[in-house]
C-alpha atoms as a PDB file:
ATOM      1  CA  MET A   1     -18.936   8.627  22.706  1.00  0.00           C
ATOM      2  CA  SER A   2     -15.626   8.182  24.441  1.00  0.00           C
ATOM      3  CA  MET A   3     -15.366   6.307  27.733  1.00  0.00           C
ATOM      4  CA  THR A   4     -12.338   6.001  29.980  1.00  0.00           C
ATOM      5  CA  THR A   5     -11.333   2.756  31.648  1.00  0.00           C
ATOM      6  CA  ILE A   6     -12.448   4.047  35.040  1.00  0.00           C
ATOM      7  CA  GLU A   7     -15.851   5.054  33.694  1.00  0.00           C
ATOM      8  CA  LEU A   8     -16.226   1.633  32.077  1.00  0.00           C
ATOM      9  CA  TYR A   9     -15.204  -0.103  35.295  1.00  0.00           C
ATOM     10  CA  ASN A  10     -17.650   1.960  37.393  1.00  0.00           C
ATOM     11  CA  SER A  11     -20.454   1.293  34.931  1.00  0.00           C
ATOM     12  CA  LEU A  12     -19.793  -2.453  34.921  1.00  0.00           C
ATOM     13  CA  ARG A  13     -19.308  -2.551  38.708  1.00  0.00           C
ATOM     14  CA  GLU A  14     -22.804  -1.197  39.251  1.00  0.00           C
ATOM     15  CA  LYS A  15     -24.290  -4.025  37.186  1.00  0.00           C
ATOM     16  CA  PHE A  16     -21.960  -6.988  37.829  1.00  0.00           C
ATOM     17  CA  GLY A  17     -19.956  -6.281  40.966  1.00  0.00           C
ATOM     18  CA  ASP A  18     -16.238  -5.611  41.584  1.00  0.00           C
ATOM     19  CA  ASN A  19     -14.753  -8.924  40.473  1.00  0.00           C
ATOM     20  CA  GLN A  20     -16.747  -9.264  37.249  1.00  0.00           C
ATOM     21  CA  ALA A  21     -16.234  -5.587  36.391  1.00  0.00           C
ATOM     22  CA  HIS A  22     -12.485  -5.984  36.835  1.00  0.00           C
ATOM     23  CA  ILE A  23     -12.404  -9.109  34.638  1.00  0.00           C
ATOM     24  CA  LEU A  24     -14.542  -7.522  31.924  1.00  0.00           C
ATOM     25  CA  THR A  25     -12.536  -4.298  31.928  1.00  0.00           C
ATOM     26  CA  GLU A  26      -9.254  -6.196  31.551  1.00  0.00           C
ATOM     27  CA  TYR A  27     -10.722  -8.313  28.768  1.00  0.00           C
ATOM     28  CA  ILE A  28     -11.959  -5.265  26.863  1.00  0.00           C
ATOM     29  CA  GLU A  29      -8.609  -3.468  27.288  1.00  0.00           C
ATOM     30  CA  THR A  30      -6.753  -6.544  26.035  1.00  0.00           C
ATOM     31  CA  LYS A  31      -8.995  -6.795  22.976  1.00  0.00           C
ATOM     32  CA  ILE A  32      -8.615  -3.105  22.185  1.00  0.00           C
ATOM     33  CA  GLU A  33      -4.822  -3.249  22.527  1.00  0.00           C
ATOM     34  CA  ALA A  34      -4.672  -6.337  20.311  1.00  0.00           C
ATOM     35  CA  THR A  35      -6.802  -4.634  17.676  1.00  0.00           C
ATOM     36  CA  ILE A  36      -4.683  -1.481  17.757  1.00  0.00           C
ATOM     37  CA  GLU A  37      -1.472  -3.510  17.513  1.00  0.00           C
ATOM     38  CA  LYS A  38      -2.854  -5.494  14.573  1.00  0.00           C
ATOM     39  CA  GLU A  39      -3.980  -2.371  12.743  1.00  0.00           C
ATOM     40  CA  THR A  40      -0.736  -0.463  13.284  1.00  0.00           C
ATOM     41  CA  LYS A  41       1.363  -3.326  11.919  1.00  0.00           C
ATOM     42  CA  GLU A  42      -0.235  -2.724   8.540  1.00  0.00           C
ATOM     43  CA  LEU A  43       0.547   1.000   8.438  1.00  0.00           C
ATOM     44  CA  ALA A  44       3.401   2.264   6.296  1.00  0.00           C
ATOM     45  CA  THR A  45       6.194   4.222   7.912  1.00  0.00           C
ATOM     46  CA  LYS A  46       8.038   7.132   6.313  1.00  0.00           C
ATOM     47  CA  ASN A  47      10.878   4.749   5.466  1.00  0.00           C
ATOM     48  CA  ASP A  48       8.421   2.385   3.757  1.00  0.00           C
ATOM     49  CA  VAL A  49       6.989   5.216   1.692  1.00  0.00           C
ATOM     50  CA  GLY A  50      10.486   6.431   0.787  1.00  0.00           C
ATOM     51  CA  ALA A  51      11.496   2.928  -0.319  1.00  0.00           C
ATOM     52  CA  ILE A  52       8.385   2.631  -2.468  1.00  0.00           C
ATOM     53  CA  ARG A  53       9.056   6.017  -4.061  1.00  0.00           C
ATOM     54  CA  THR A  54      12.621   4.937  -4.850  1.00  0.00           C
ATOM     55  CA  GLU A  55      11.383   1.704  -6.415  1.00  0.00           C
ATOM     56  CA  MET A  56       8.807   3.630  -8.442  1.00  0.00           C
ATOM     57  CA  ALA A  57      11.466   6.031  -9.733  1.00  0.00           C
ATOM     58  CA  GLN A  58      13.674   3.102 -10.751  1.00  0.00           C
ATOM     59  CA  MET A  59      10.725   1.435 -12.469  1.00  0.00           C
ATOM     60  CA  GLU A  60       9.975   4.658 -14.326  1.00  0.00           C
ATOM     61  CA  VAL A  61      13.554   4.804 -15.646  1.00  0.00           C
ATOM     62  CA  ARG A  62      13.334   1.173 -16.813  1.00  0.00           C
ATOM     63  CA  LEU A  63      10.001   1.814 -18.512  1.00  0.00           C
ATOM     64  CA  ILE A  64      11.381   4.854 -20.322  1.00  0.00           C
ATOM     65  CA  LYS A  65      14.362   2.797 -21.518  1.00  0.00           C
ATOM     66  CA  TRP A  66      12.022   0.121 -22.860  1.00  0.00           C
ATOM     67  CA  LEU A  67       9.796   2.740 -24.492  1.00  0.00           C
ATOM     68  CA  VAL A  68      12.751   4.348 -26.262  1.00  0.00           C
ATOM     69  CA  GLY A  69      14.032   0.936 -27.373  1.00  0.00           C
ATOM     70  CA  ILE A  70      10.643  -0.133 -28.714  1.00  0.00           C
ATOM     71  CA  ALA A  71      10.145   3.208 -30.472  1.00  0.00           C
ATOM     72  CA  PHE A  72      13.607   2.943 -32.074  1.00  0.00           C
ATOM     73  CA  THR A  73      12.872  -0.618 -33.195  1.00  0.00           C
ATOM     74  CA  GLY A  74       9.535   0.470 -34.646  1.00  0.00           C
ATOM     75  CA  ILE A  75      11.181   3.308 -36.550  1.00  0.00           C
ATOM     76  CA  CYS A  76      13.818   0.927 -37.916  1.00  0.00           C
ATOM     77  CA  VAL A  77      11.180  -1.578 -39.040  1.00  0.00           C
ATOM     78  CA  LEU A  78       9.051   1.139 -40.604  1.00  0.00           C
ATOM     79  CA  SER A  79      12.102   2.603 -42.372  1.00  0.00           C
ATOM     80  CA  GLY A  80      12.965  -0.845 -43.717  1.00  0.00           C
ATOM     81  CA  VAL A  81       9.438  -1.349 -45.008  1.00  0.00           C
ATOM     82  CA  VAL A  82       9.401   2.077 -46.681  1.00  0.00           C
ATOM     83  CA  PHE A  83      12.868   1.503 -48.172  1.00  0.00           C
ATOM     84  CA  THR A  84      11.782  -1.899 -49.522  1.00  0.00           C
ATOM     85  CA  ILE A  85       8.601  -0.474 -51.035  1.00  0.00           C
ATOM     86  CA  VAL A  86      10.491   2.415 -52.651  1.00  0.00           C
ATOM     87  CA  LYS A  87      13.260   0.159 -53.933  1.00  0.00           C
ATOM     88  CA  TYR A  88      11.001  -2.502 -55.472  1.00  0.00           C
ATOM     89  CA  TYR A  89       8.071  -0.371 -56.523  1.00  0.00           C
ATOM     90  CA  LYS A  90       8.226   0.244 -60.245  1.00  0.00           C
ATOM     91  CA  PRO A  91       5.271   2.025 -61.818  1.00  0.00           C
END
């Protein structure tokens, strides 16, 4: 249920009077604005998302480089082991 500020004020005025209704309405508006401001500070903008995508792409390139390097090293080690076994294995 959505309620406008005027509807809130009128509802409070009937129960508490003009002065109290005005004070309560201002207090509630202040709290709502503070909550909205707090929540929107944590939202990501398009620039934030673009920066994260760029960082992720760079990280992907680095990971691929490491993967290729580790695979090459593994192949070299395995080739050395096979070469050593073939060279020194005498049936």
